[in-house]
């Protein structure tokens, strides 16, 4: 099965609990990765093919510095999805 897929990773650095953005360097070097974006505590990885998930999850460079806590895969490119927030008026005081 081919097409664009987004791998959603929740990872932790082995050296610094909050340092996940440096993982982008490792992810961009993996063949088949078309894009990467940090979204809060998650990293979105755009893949050319769903079958490339194992290449990312078992990448030696990524595994050397990071622990993958959770992951999921969704069909399509969700890297450009924007969260929209709206204020609700509350008339109660």
C-alpha atoms as a PDB file:
ATOM      1  CA  UNK A   1       0.000   0.000   0.000  1.00  0.00           C
ATOM      2  CA  UNK A   2       1.544   3.294  -1.024  1.00  0.00           C
ATOM      3  CA  UNK A   3       0.709   6.972  -0.591  1.00  0.00           C
ATOM      4  CA  UNK A   4       1.443   9.565   2.034  1.00  0.00           C
ATOM      5  CA  UNK A   5       1.213   8.532   5.667  1.00  0.00           C
ATOM      6  CA  UNK A   6       1.897  10.439   8.874  1.00  0.00           C
ATOM      7  CA  UNK A   7       3.668   8.639  11.690  1.00  0.00           C
ATOM      8  CA  UNK A   8       2.919  10.251  15.055  1.00  0.00           C
ATOM      9  CA  UNK A   9       5.697   9.677  17.580  1.00  0.00           C
ATOM     10  CA  UNK A  10       5.896  10.447  21.264  1.00  0.00           C
ATOM     11  CA  UNK A  11       9.558  10.132  22.214  1.00  0.00           C
ATOM     12  CA  UNK A  12      11.884  11.012  25.073  1.00  0.00           C
ATOM     13  CA  UNK A  13      15.536  11.855  24.857  1.00  0.00           C
ATOM     14  CA  UNK A  14      17.794   9.563  26.859  1.00  0.00           C
ATOM     15  CA  UNK A  15      19.867  12.564  27.976  1.00  0.00           C
ATOM     16  CA  UNK A  16      17.324  15.372  28.337  1.00  0.00           C
ATOM     17  CA  UNK A  17      13.633  14.701  28.910  1.00  0.00           C
ATOM     18  CA  UNK A  18      12.496  17.828  27.064  1.00  0.00           C
ATOM     19  CA  UNK A  19      14.933  17.689  24.136  1.00  0.00           C
ATOM     20  CA  UNK A  20      12.991  16.125  21.289  1.00  0.00           C
ATOM     21  CA  UNK A  21      13.514  18.642  18.490  1.00  0.00           C
ATOM     22  CA  UNK A  22      17.048  17.377  17.841  1.00  0.00           C
ATOM     23  CA  UNK A  23      15.442  14.102  16.707  1.00  0.00           C
ATOM     24  CA  UNK A  24      14.442  15.904  13.503  1.00  0.00           C
ATOM     25  CA  UNK A  25      18.056  15.729  12.317  1.00  0.00           C
ATOM     26  CA  UNK A  26      18.020  11.927  12.624  1.00  0.00           C
ATOM     27  CA  UNK A  27      14.555  11.559  11.094  1.00  0.00           C
ATOM     28  CA  UNK A  28      15.333  13.607   7.977  1.00  0.00           C
ATOM     29  CA  UNK A  29      18.229  11.229   7.186  1.00  0.00           C
ATOM     30  CA  UNK A  30      15.931   8.188   6.960  1.00  0.00           C
ATOM     31  CA  UNK A  31      15.093   7.181   3.384  1.00  0.00           C
ATOM     32  CA  UNK A  32      11.412   7.686   2.636  1.00  0.00           C
ATOM     33  CA  UNK A  33      10.852  10.482   5.173  1.00  0.00           C
ATOM     34  CA  UNK A  34       9.386  13.466   3.317  1.00  0.00           C
ATOM     35  CA  UNK A  35       8.800  15.844   6.206  1.00  0.00           C
ATOM     36  CA  UNK A  36       9.002  16.208   9.962  1.00  0.00           C
ATOM     37  CA  UNK A  37       7.280  18.595  12.365  1.00  0.00           C
ATOM     38  CA  UNK A  38       7.176  18.980  16.134  1.00  0.00           C
ATOM     39  CA  UNK A  39       3.646  19.434  17.480  1.00  0.00           C
ATOM     40  CA  UNK A  40       3.664  19.877  21.227  1.00  0.00           C
ATOM     41  CA  UNK A  41       5.103  16.682  22.704  1.00  0.00           C
ATOM     42  CA  UNK A  42       4.672  14.772  19.455  1.00  0.00           C
ATOM     43  CA  UNK A  43       6.717  14.521  16.302  1.00  0.00           C
ATOM     44  CA  UNK A  44       4.860  14.107  13.024  1.00  0.00           C
ATOM     45  CA  UNK A  45       6.829  12.208  10.384  1.00  0.00           C
ATOM     46  CA  UNK A  46       5.577  12.265   6.796  1.00  0.00           C
ATOM     47  CA  UNK A  47       6.300   8.972   5.028  1.00  0.00           C
ATOM     48  CA  UNK A  48       6.093   8.108   1.329  1.00  0.00           C
ATOM     49  CA  UNK A  49       4.821   4.618   2.155  1.00  0.00           C
ATOM     50  CA  UNK A  50       3.194   2.967   5.179  1.00  0.00           C
ATOM     51  CA  UNK A  51       5.691   0.107   4.923  1.00  0.00           C
ATOM     52  CA  UNK A  52       8.486   2.489   6.004  1.00  0.00           C
ATOM     53  CA  UNK A  53       7.229   2.670   9.605  1.00  0.00           C
ATOM     54  CA  UNK A  54       9.632  -0.066  10.748  1.00  0.00           C
ATOM     55  CA  UNK A  55      12.559   1.799   9.158  1.00  0.00           C
ATOM     56  CA  UNK A  56      11.798   4.785  11.380  1.00  0.00           C
ATOM     57  CA  UNK A  57      10.950   2.896  14.579  1.00  0.00           C
ATOM     58  CA  UNK A  58      14.067   0.712  14.360  1.00  0.00           C
ATOM     59  CA  UNK A  59      16.489   3.358  13.100  1.00  0.00           C
ATOM     60  CA  UNK A  60      19.786   2.859  15.012  1.00  0.00           C
ATOM     61  CA  UNK A  61      20.626   6.584  15.162  1.00  0.00           C
ATOM     62  CA  UNK A  62      17.209   7.465  16.541  1.00  0.00           C
ATOM     63  CA  UNK A  63      17.242   4.576  19.033  1.00  0.00           C
ATOM     64  CA  UNK A  64      20.709   5.541  20.277  1.00  0.00           C
ATOM     65  CA  UNK A  65      19.491   8.869  21.650  1.00  0.00           C
ATOM     66  CA  UNK A  66      15.724   8.461  22.074  1.00  0.00           C
ATOM     67  CA  UNK A  67      13.125   6.116  23.530  1.00  0.00           C
ATOM     68  CA  UNK A  68       9.911   5.776  21.539  1.00  0.00           C
ATOM     69  CA  UNK A  69       7.106   5.853  24.114  1.00  0.00           C
ATOM     70  CA  UNK A  70       4.100   5.722  21.779  1.00  0.00           C
ATOM     71  CA  UNK A  71       3.414   5.783  18.070  1.00  0.00           C
ATOM     72  CA  UNK A  72       0.518   5.658  15.651  1.00  0.00           C
ATOM     73  CA  UNK A  73       0.112   5.948  11.894  1.00  0.00           C
ATOM     74  CA  UNK A  74      -2.603   7.792   9.977  1.00  0.00           C
ATOM     75  CA  UNK A  75      -3.246   7.936   6.270  1.00  0.00           C
ATOM     76  CA  UNK A  76      -2.486  11.256   4.596  1.00  0.00           C
ATOM     77  CA  UNK A  77      -0.411  14.339   5.337  1.00  0.00           C
ATOM     78  CA  UNK A  78      -1.456  15.957   8.623  1.00  0.00           C
ATOM     79  CA  UNK A  79       1.674  18.099   8.970  1.00  0.00           C
ATOM     80  CA  UNK A  80      -0.225  21.176   7.813  1.00  0.00           C
ATOM     81  CA  UNK A  81      -3.300  20.667   9.995  1.00  0.00           C
ATOM     82  CA  UNK A  82      -3.809  23.714  12.130  1.00  0.00           C
ATOM     83  CA  UNK A  83      -5.487  23.765  15.495  1.00  0.00           C
ATOM     84  CA  UNK A  84      -7.961  26.601  15.726  1.00  0.00           C
ATOM     85  CA  UNK A  85      -9.008  27.974  19.077  1.00  0.00           C
ATOM     86  CA  UNK A  86     -11.961  30.254  19.658  1.00  0.00           C
ATOM     87  CA  UNK A  87     -12.808  32.114  22.815  1.00  0.00           C
ATOM     88  CA  UNK A  88     -16.272  31.499  24.124  1.00  0.00           C
ATOM     89  CA  UNK A  89     -18.005  34.359  25.824  1.00  0.00           C
ATOM     90  CA  UNK A  90     -19.073  33.622  29.338  1.00  0.00           C
ATOM     91  CA  UNK A  91     -21.740  35.988  30.571  1.00  0.00           C
ATOM     92  CA  UNK A  92     -21.756  34.602  34.111  1.00  0.00           C
ATOM     93  CA  UNK A  93     -19.731  36.584  36.601  1.00  0.00           C
END
